Amino acid sequence: MNIRHICRLGALLSLVFVLGCESRNPNWKEVTPVTGVVMADGKPAEGVNVFFNPVEGIDTVQTTITKGMTDPEGKFSASTYELNDGAPEGEYKLTFKWQKLNPISMTFDGDKFNGRYADEKKSEYSVTVTSGPPLDLGVFELRTK
């Protein structure tokens, strides 16, 4: 093999790699980036799980689970298939759970919100996700007491 063949082979492999990395699973639903901020008792709440519960119930044909987790500034991004990719179109009730770290077992348990925001049927936080530009949900002011 001469250098020209090696260069062509390298270019072809690079193209296959780039195209492979950019392609999405054809069975995935289209998602829209969704972000927001969770404040607890007036302060940014780190480690809050934010769950997107479909109002129409779980899609049994193309089942997805969408959720996010807040960072030290209380910011979260919805994730469905990949980290921070977004949420599929639809109407959702949001629920929030802020678990405590058990330092002995190094597992999470409980809820610093005492279940106040964990029931989707009682949730007052709704969002409609549509195809298009990213959606910023703003700030959720939650209480621990």
N, C-alpha and C. Protein backbone atom coordinates (compact mmCIF):
# COMPACT_ATOMS: atom_id res chain seq x y z
N MET A 1 0.84 -1.18 0.00
CA MET A 1 0.00 0.00 0.00
C MET A 1 0.88 1.23 0.00
N ASN A 2 0.54 2.17 -0.87
CA ASN A 2 1.33 3.40 -0.86
C ASN A 2 0.65 4.45 0.02
N ILE A 3 1.30 5.55 0.18
CA ILE A 3 0.82 6.60 1.10
C ILE A 3 -0.53 7.15 0.66
N ARG A 4 -0.77 7.22 -0.66
CA ARG A 4 -2.05 7.73 -1.16
C ARG A 4 -3.21 6.83 -0.73
N HIS A 5 -3.02 5.52 -0.79
CA HIS A 5 -4.06 4.59 -0.37
C HIS A 5 -4.31 4.68 1.14
N ILE A 6 -3.25 4.84 1.87
CA ILE A 6 -3.38 4.95 3.34
C ILE A 6 -4.15 6.23 3.70
N CYS A 7 -3.86 7.32 3.01
CA CYS A 7 -4.58 8.58 3.28
C CYS A 7 -6.06 8.46 2.92
N ARG A 8 -6.36 7.82 1.81
CA ARG A 8 -7.77 7.64 1.41
C ARG A 8 -8.51 6.77 2.44
N LEU A 9 -7.85 5.70 2.87
CA LEU A 9 -8.45 4.82 3.86
C LEU A 9 -8.70 5.58 5.17
N GLY A 10 -7.73 6.38 5.58
CA GLY A 10 -7.88 7.18 6.80
C GLY A 10 -9.02 8.17 6.68
N ALA A 11 -9.13 8.83 5.53
CA ALA A 11 -10.21 9.79 5.31
C ALA A 11 -11.57 9.09 5.34
N LEU A 12 -11.65 7.92 4.71
CA LEU A 12 -12.91 7.16 4.69
C LEU A 12 -13.31 6.74 6.10
N LEU A 13 -12.37 6.23 6.88
CA LEU A 13 -12.66 5.82 8.25
C LEU A 13 -13.09 7.01 9.12
N SER A 14 -12.46 8.16 8.90
CA SER A 14 -12.83 9.36 9.65
C SER A 14 -14.26 9.78 9.32
N LEU A 15 -14.62 9.72 8.04
CA LEU A 15 -15.97 10.08 7.62
C LEU A 15 -17.00 9.14 8.25
N VAL A 16 -16.72 7.84 8.23
CA VAL A 16 -17.63 6.86 8.83
C VAL A 16 -17.78 7.13 10.32
N PHE A 17 -16.69 7.44 10.99
CA PHE A 17 -16.74 7.73 12.42
C PHE A 17 -17.59 8.96 12.71
N VAL A 18 -17.37 10.04 11.97
CA VAL A 18 -18.11 11.29 12.19
C VAL A 18 -19.59 11.08 11.92
N LEU A 19 -19.93 10.43 10.83
CA LEU A 19 -21.34 10.19 10.51
C LEU A 19 -21.99 9.28 11.55
N GLY A 20 -21.25 8.30 12.01
CA GLY A 20 -21.78 7.39 13.03
C GLY A 20 -22.04 8.09 14.34
N CYS A 21 -21.19 9.04 14.70
CA CYS A 21 -21.36 9.76 15.96
C CYS A 21 -22.54 10.73 15.90
N GLU A 22 -22.84 11.26 14.73
CA GLU A 22 -23.88 12.26 14.62
C GLU A 22 -25.26 11.66 14.40
N SER A 23 -25.33 10.40 14.03
CA SER A 23 -26.64 9.83 13.76
C SER A 23 -27.33 9.45 15.06
N ARG A 24 -28.63 9.66 15.08
CA ARG A 24 -29.43 9.31 16.25
C ARG A 24 -30.20 8.04 15.95
N ASN A 25 -30.60 7.37 16.97
CA ASN A 25 -31.39 6.17 16.81
C ASN A 25 -32.71 6.54 16.11
N PRO A 26 -33.04 5.90 15.01
CA PRO A 26 -34.26 6.27 14.28
C PRO A 26 -35.53 5.98 15.07
N ASN A 27 -35.47 5.19 16.11
CA ASN A 27 -36.64 4.88 16.93
C ASN A 27 -36.88 5.90 18.04
N TRP A 28 -35.94 6.82 18.20
CA TRP A 28 -36.09 7.84 19.24
C TRP A 28 -37.09 8.90 18.81
N LYS A 29 -37.86 9.37 19.79
CA LYS A 29 -38.76 10.49 19.55
C LYS A 29 -37.92 11.77 19.47
N GLU A 30 -38.44 12.75 18.75
CA GLU A 30 -37.78 14.05 18.72
C GLU A 30 -37.89 14.68 20.10
N VAL A 31 -36.82 15.30 20.57
CA VAL A 31 -36.83 15.95 21.88
C VAL A 31 -36.49 17.43 21.74
N THR A 32 -36.97 18.22 22.69
CA THR A 32 -36.70 19.65 22.76
C THR A 32 -35.98 19.91 24.07
N PRO A 33 -34.86 20.66 24.04
CA PRO A 33 -34.18 20.99 25.29
C PRO A 33 -35.10 21.75 26.25
N VAL A 34 -35.11 21.32 27.51
CA VAL A 34 -35.93 21.96 28.55
C VAL A 34 -35.05 22.18 29.77
N THR A 35 -35.06 23.41 30.28
CA THR A 35 -34.25 23.75 31.45
C THR A 35 -35.10 24.49 32.49
N GLY A 36 -34.58 24.58 33.69
CA GLY A 36 -35.24 25.32 34.76
C GLY A 36 -34.33 25.39 35.97
N VAL A 37 -34.85 26.01 37.02
CA VAL A 37 -34.09 26.18 38.26
C VAL A 37 -35.01 25.83 39.43
N VAL A 38 -34.48 25.10 40.40
CA VAL A 38 -35.23 24.75 41.61
C VAL A 38 -34.59 25.46 42.80
N MET A 39 -35.43 26.24 43.49
CA MET A 39 -35.02 26.90 44.72
C MET A 39 -35.79 26.24 45.86
N ALA A 40 -35.12 26.00 46.97
CA ALA A 40 -35.77 25.44 48.16
C ALA A 40 -35.56 26.41 49.31
N ASP A 41 -36.65 26.89 49.85
CA ASP A 41 -36.59 27.85 50.95
C ASP A 41 -35.73 29.06 50.58
N GLY A 42 -35.84 29.49 49.32
CA GLY A 42 -35.14 30.69 48.86
C GLY A 42 -33.70 30.49 48.44
N LYS A 43 -33.20 29.25 48.47
CA LYS A 43 -31.80 28.99 48.11
C LYS A 43 -31.75 27.95 46.99
N PRO A 44 -30.70 28.00 46.14
CA PRO A 44 -30.56 26.97 45.11
C PRO A 44 -30.50 25.58 45.75
N ALA A 45 -31.22 24.64 45.18
CA ALA A 45 -31.30 23.29 45.74
C ALA A 45 -30.54 22.31 44.85
N GLU A 46 -29.41 21.83 45.35
CA GLU A 46 -28.60 20.87 44.60
C GLU A 46 -29.08 19.45 44.85
N GLY A 47 -29.15 18.65 43.79
CA GLY A 47 -29.47 17.23 43.92
C GLY A 47 -30.95 16.90 43.92
N VAL A 48 -31.79 17.84 43.47
CA VAL A 48 -33.23 17.58 43.38
C VAL A 48 -33.51 16.83 42.08
N ASN A 49 -34.23 15.73 42.17
CA ASN A 49 -34.68 15.00 40.98
C ASN A 49 -35.96 15.65 40.48
N VAL A 50 -35.98 15.97 39.19
CA VAL A 50 -37.15 16.57 38.55
C VAL A 50 -37.68 15.53 37.57
N PHE A 51 -38.92 15.10 37.77
CA PHE A 51 -39.53 14.06 36.93
C PHE A 51 -40.61 14.66 36.03
N PHE A 52 -40.58 14.29 34.76
CA PHE A 52 -41.58 14.72 33.77
C PHE A 52 -42.57 13.57 33.62
N ASN A 53 -43.77 13.71 34.17
CA ASN A 53 -44.79 12.67 34.16
C ASN A 53 -45.81 12.98 33.07
N PRO A 54 -45.89 12.14 32.01
CA PRO A 54 -46.83 12.41 30.92
C PRO A 54 -48.28 12.43 31.41
N VAL A 55 -49.01 13.50 31.09
CA VAL A 55 -50.41 13.63 31.49
C VAL A 55 -51.25 12.51 30.88
N GLU A 56 -50.93 12.13 29.65
CA GLU A 56 -51.69 11.08 28.96
C GLU A 56 -51.29 9.67 29.43
N GLY A 57 -50.37 9.58 30.35
CA GLY A 57 -49.87 8.28 30.80
C GLY A 57 -48.66 7.86 29.98
N ILE A 58 -48.07 6.77 30.38
CA ILE A 58 -46.85 6.30 29.71
C ILE A 58 -47.19 5.74 28.34
N ASP A 59 -46.42 6.13 27.35
CA ASP A 59 -46.55 5.62 25.99
C ASP A 59 -46.05 4.17 25.98
N THR A 60 -46.94 3.23 25.77
CA THR A 60 -46.56 1.81 25.82
C THR A 60 -45.91 1.33 24.52
N VAL A 61 -45.98 2.15 23.46
CA VAL A 61 -45.36 1.77 22.18
C VAL A 61 -43.90 2.24 22.16
N GLN A 62 -43.67 3.50 22.49
CA GLN A 62 -42.32 4.06 22.54
C GLN A 62 -42.10 4.64 23.93
N THR A 63 -41.91 3.79 24.89
CA THR A 63 -41.78 4.21 26.28
C THR A 63 -40.51 5.03 26.49
N THR A 64 -40.68 6.17 27.15
CA THR A 64 -39.55 7.01 27.52
C THR A 64 -39.71 7.45 28.96
N ILE A 65 -38.59 7.78 29.57
CA ILE A 65 -38.59 8.38 30.91
C ILE A 65 -37.76 9.64 30.79
N THR A 66 -38.34 10.75 31.22
CA THR A 66 -37.64 12.03 31.15
C THR A 66 -37.49 12.57 32.56
N LYS A 67 -36.27 12.97 32.90
CA LYS A 67 -36.02 13.53 34.22
C LYS A 67 -34.78 14.40 34.17
N GLY A 68 -34.53 15.10 35.24
CA GLY A 68 -33.34 15.92 35.37
C GLY A 68 -32.90 15.95 36.82
N MET A 69 -31.71 16.47 37.06
CA MET A 69 -31.22 16.62 38.43
C MET A 69 -30.53 17.97 38.53
N THR A 70 -30.81 18.68 39.62
CA THR A 70 -30.27 20.01 39.78
C THR A 70 -28.78 19.99 40.15
N ASP A 71 -28.08 21.03 39.68
CA ASP A 71 -26.66 21.21 39.98
C ASP A 71 -26.54 22.12 41.21
N PRO A 72 -25.32 22.51 41.62
CA PRO A 72 -25.17 23.35 42.82
C PRO A 72 -25.91 24.69 42.76
N GLU A 73 -26.22 25.17 41.54
CA GLU A 73 -26.95 26.43 41.39
C GLU A 73 -28.46 26.21 41.28
N GLY A 74 -28.89 24.95 41.42
CA GLY A 74 -30.31 24.63 41.32
C GLY A 74 -30.80 24.44 39.89
N LYS A 75 -29.91 24.52 38.92
CA LYS A 75 -30.29 24.40 37.51
C LYS A 75 -30.42 22.93 37.10
N PHE A 76 -31.40 22.66 36.24
CA PHE A 76 -31.55 21.32 35.69
C PHE A 76 -31.85 21.39 34.21
N SER A 77 -31.55 20.29 33.53
CA SER A 77 -31.88 20.10 32.12
C SER A 77 -32.54 18.74 31.98
N ALA A 78 -33.61 18.68 31.19
CA ALA A 78 -34.31 17.42 30.98
C ALA A 78 -33.44 16.47 30.17
N SER A 79 -33.50 15.18 30.54
CA SER A 79 -32.77 14.13 29.84
C SER A 79 -33.73 12.98 29.56
N THR A 80 -33.73 12.52 28.30
CA THR A 80 -34.58 11.40 27.93
C THR A 80 -33.74 10.24 27.42
N TYR A 81 -32.96 10.45 26.39
CA TYR A 81 -32.13 9.40 25.81
C TYR A 81 -30.66 9.58 26.18
N GLU A 82 -30.24 10.84 26.20
CA GLU A 82 -28.85 11.19 26.52
C GLU A 82 -28.88 12.35 27.51
N LEU A 83 -27.78 12.57 28.20
CA LEU A 83 -27.70 13.62 29.20
C LEU A 83 -28.05 14.98 28.58
N ASN A 84 -29.04 15.64 29.16
CA ASN A 84 -29.44 17.01 28.79
C ASN A 84 -29.97 17.15 27.36
N ASP A 85 -30.49 16.05 26.77
CA ASP A 85 -30.97 16.15 25.38
C ASP A 85 -32.35 16.78 25.29
N GLY A 86 -33.18 16.67 26.32
CA GLY A 86 -34.48 17.31 26.29
C GLY A 86 -35.62 16.34 26.57
N ALA A 87 -36.84 16.79 26.26
CA ALA A 87 -38.05 16.01 26.50
C ALA A 87 -38.84 15.88 25.20
N PRO A 88 -39.51 14.73 24.99
CA PRO A 88 -40.38 14.59 23.82
C PRO A 88 -41.58 15.53 23.93
N GLU A 89 -42.20 15.82 22.79
CA GLU A 89 -43.40 16.65 22.78
C GLU A 89 -44.47 16.03 23.67
N GLY A 90 -45.23 16.88 24.34
CA GLY A 90 -46.32 16.38 25.16
C GLY A 90 -46.58 17.27 26.35
N GLU A 91 -47.62 16.91 27.08
CA GLU A 91 -47.97 17.62 28.31
C GLU A 91 -47.49 16.79 29.50
N TYR A 92 -46.90 17.48 30.46
CA TYR A 92 -46.32 16.80 31.62
C TYR A 92 -46.75 17.48 32.91
N LYS A 93 -46.82 16.70 33.97
CA LYS A 93 -46.91 17.20 35.34
C LYS A 93 -45.52 16.97 35.92
N LEU A 94 -44.94 18.00 36.50
CA LEU A 94 -43.61 17.86 37.09
C LEU A 94 -43.72 17.47 38.56
N THR A 95 -42.84 16.57 38.97
CA THR A 95 -42.72 16.22 40.38
C THR A 95 -41.26 16.37 40.79
N PHE A 96 -41.06 16.57 42.08
CA PHE A 96 -39.72 16.85 42.60
C PHE A 96 -39.46 15.98 43.83
N LYS A 97 -38.26 15.43 43.89
CA LYS A 97 -37.87 14.63 45.04
C LYS A 97 -36.42 14.99 45.37
N TRP A 98 -36.19 15.32 46.64
CA TRP A 98 -34.85 15.73 47.09
C TRP A 98 -34.40 14.76 48.16
N GLN A 99 -33.70 13.74 47.72
CA GLN A 99 -33.30 12.69 48.65
C GLN A 99 -32.09 13.09 49.47
N LYS A 100 -31.99 12.44 50.63
CA LYS A 100 -30.88 12.68 51.54
C LYS A 100 -29.85 11.57 51.38
N LEU A 101 -28.58 11.93 51.47
CA LEU A 101 -27.51 10.94 51.40
C LEU A 101 -27.32 10.32 52.78
N ASN A 102 -27.40 8.99 52.85
CA ASN A 102 -27.11 8.27 54.08
C ASN A 102 -25.60 8.04 54.10
N PRO A 103 -24.87 8.73 54.99
CA PRO A 103 -23.41 8.64 54.98
C PRO A 103 -22.86 7.26 55.36
N ILE A 104 -23.65 6.45 56.01
CA ILE A 104 -23.18 5.11 56.39
C ILE A 104 -23.26 4.15 55.22
N SER A 105 -24.42 4.11 54.56
CA SER A 105 -24.58 3.18 53.43
C SER A 105 -24.21 3.81 52.10
N MET A 106 -24.00 5.14 52.08
CA MET A 106 -23.71 5.89 50.85
C MET A 106 -24.82 5.68 49.82
N THR A 107 -26.07 5.62 50.29
CA THR A 107 -27.22 5.53 49.41
C THR A 107 -28.13 6.72 49.69
N PHE A 108 -29.03 6.99 48.75
CA PHE A 108 -29.97 8.08 48.91
C PHE A 108 -31.31 7.53 49.39
N ASP A 109 -31.94 8.24 50.32
CA ASP A 109 -33.26 7.84 50.79
C ASP A 109 -34.02 9.06 51.27
N GLY A 110 -35.27 8.86 51.59
CA GLY A 110 -36.10 9.94 52.10
C GLY A 110 -36.38 11.02 51.06
N ASP A 111 -36.88 12.15 51.55
CA ASP A 111 -37.19 13.28 50.69
C ASP A 111 -37.21 14.52 51.57
N LYS A 112 -36.31 15.46 51.33
CA LYS A 112 -36.25 16.68 52.12
C LYS A 112 -37.53 17.51 51.97
N PHE A 113 -38.30 17.24 50.91
CA PHE A 113 -39.59 17.91 50.73
C PHE A 113 -40.73 17.15 51.41
N ASN A 114 -40.42 16.03 52.07
CA ASN A 114 -41.40 15.21 52.77
C ASN A 114 -42.56 14.78 51.86
N GLY A 115 -42.27 14.52 50.60
CA GLY A 115 -43.28 14.04 49.67
C GLY A 115 -44.24 15.10 49.15
N ARG A 116 -44.04 16.35 49.56
CA ARG A 116 -44.93 17.45 49.20
C ARG A 116 -45.08 17.63 47.68
N TYR A 117 -44.02 17.34 46.92
CA TYR A 117 -44.04 17.57 45.47
C TYR A 117 -43.87 16.27 44.68
N ALA A 118 -44.11 15.13 45.31
CA ALA A 118 -43.83 13.84 44.68
C ALA A 118 -45.02 13.19 43.98
N ASP A 119 -46.23 13.69 44.20
CA ASP A 119 -47.42 13.06 43.64
C ASP A 119 -47.86 13.80 42.38
N GLU A 120 -47.75 13.14 41.24
CA GLU A 120 -48.10 13.79 39.97
C GLU A 120 -49.58 14.17 39.90
N LYS A 121 -50.43 13.44 40.59
CA LYS A 121 -51.87 13.75 40.57
C LYS A 121 -52.18 15.04 41.31
N LYS A 122 -51.33 15.41 42.27
CA LYS A 122 -51.53 16.63 43.04
C LYS A 122 -50.62 17.78 42.58
N SER A 123 -49.77 17.51 41.61
CA SER A 123 -48.79 18.51 41.18
C SER A 123 -49.46 19.73 40.57
N GLU A 124 -48.99 20.89 40.98
CA GLU A 124 -49.48 22.14 40.41
C GLU A 124 -48.52 22.66 39.33
N TYR A 125 -47.52 21.86 39.00
CA TYR A 125 -46.52 22.27 38.02
C TYR A 125 -46.71 21.51 36.71
N SER A 126 -47.19 22.22 35.70
CA SER A 126 -47.44 21.62 34.39
C SER A 126 -46.55 22.26 33.35
N VAL A 127 -46.24 21.50 32.33
CA VAL A 127 -45.46 22.04 31.21
C VAL A 127 -45.91 21.34 29.93
N THR A 128 -45.97 22.11 28.86
CA THR A 128 -46.25 21.55 27.54
C THR A 128 -44.99 21.74 26.71
N VAL A 129 -44.46 20.64 26.22
CA VAL A 129 -43.25 20.67 25.40
C VAL A 129 -43.68 20.51 23.95
N THR A 130 -43.23 21.44 23.10
CA THR A 130 -43.51 21.38 21.68
C THR A 130 -42.19 21.36 20.91
N SER A 131 -42.26 20.94 19.68
CA SER A 131 -41.08 20.95 18.83
C SER A 131 -40.69 22.40 18.57
N GLY A 132 -39.42 22.66 18.60
CA GLY A 132 -38.98 24.02 18.32
C GLY A 132 -37.81 24.43 19.18
N PRO A 133 -37.76 25.73 19.51
CA PRO A 133 -36.62 26.24 20.27
C PRO A 133 -36.61 25.70 21.69
N PRO A 134 -35.45 25.76 22.35
CA PRO A 134 -35.35 25.31 23.75
C PRO A 134 -36.38 26.01 24.63
N LEU A 135 -36.81 25.30 25.66
CA LEU A 135 -37.84 25.79 26.57
C LEU A 135 -37.22 26.02 27.95
N ASP A 136 -37.31 27.26 28.45
CA ASP A 136 -36.83 27.59 29.80
C ASP A 136 -38.06 27.70 30.70
N LEU A 137 -38.14 26.84 31.70
CA LEU A 137 -39.29 26.80 32.60
C LEU A 137 -39.22 27.84 33.71
N GLY A 138 -38.10 28.52 33.83
CA GLY A 138 -37.96 29.53 34.88
C GLY A 138 -37.61 28.90 36.22
N VAL A 139 -38.05 29.55 37.29
CA VAL A 139 -37.68 29.15 38.65
C VAL A 139 -38.88 28.52 39.36
N PHE A 140 -38.63 27.38 40.01
CA PHE A 140 -39.62 26.72 40.86
C PHE A 140 -39.24 27.00 42.30
N GLU A 141 -40.11 27.69 43.01
CA GLU A 141 -39.87 28.02 44.42
C GLU A 141 -40.54 26.97 45.28
N LEU A 142 -39.76 26.05 45.85
CA LEU A 142 -40.30 24.95 46.66
C LEU A 142 -39.93 25.17 48.12
N ARG A 143 -40.65 24.46 49.00
CA ARG A 143 -40.42 24.58 50.44
C ARG A 143 -40.13 23.22 51.05
N THR A 144 -39.27 23.20 52.06
CA THR A 144 -39.01 21.98 52.78
C THR A 144 -39.91 21.86 54.00
N LYS A 145 -40.52 22.96 54.43
CA LYS A 145 -41.37 22.96 55.63
C LYS A 145 -42.75 23.46 55.28
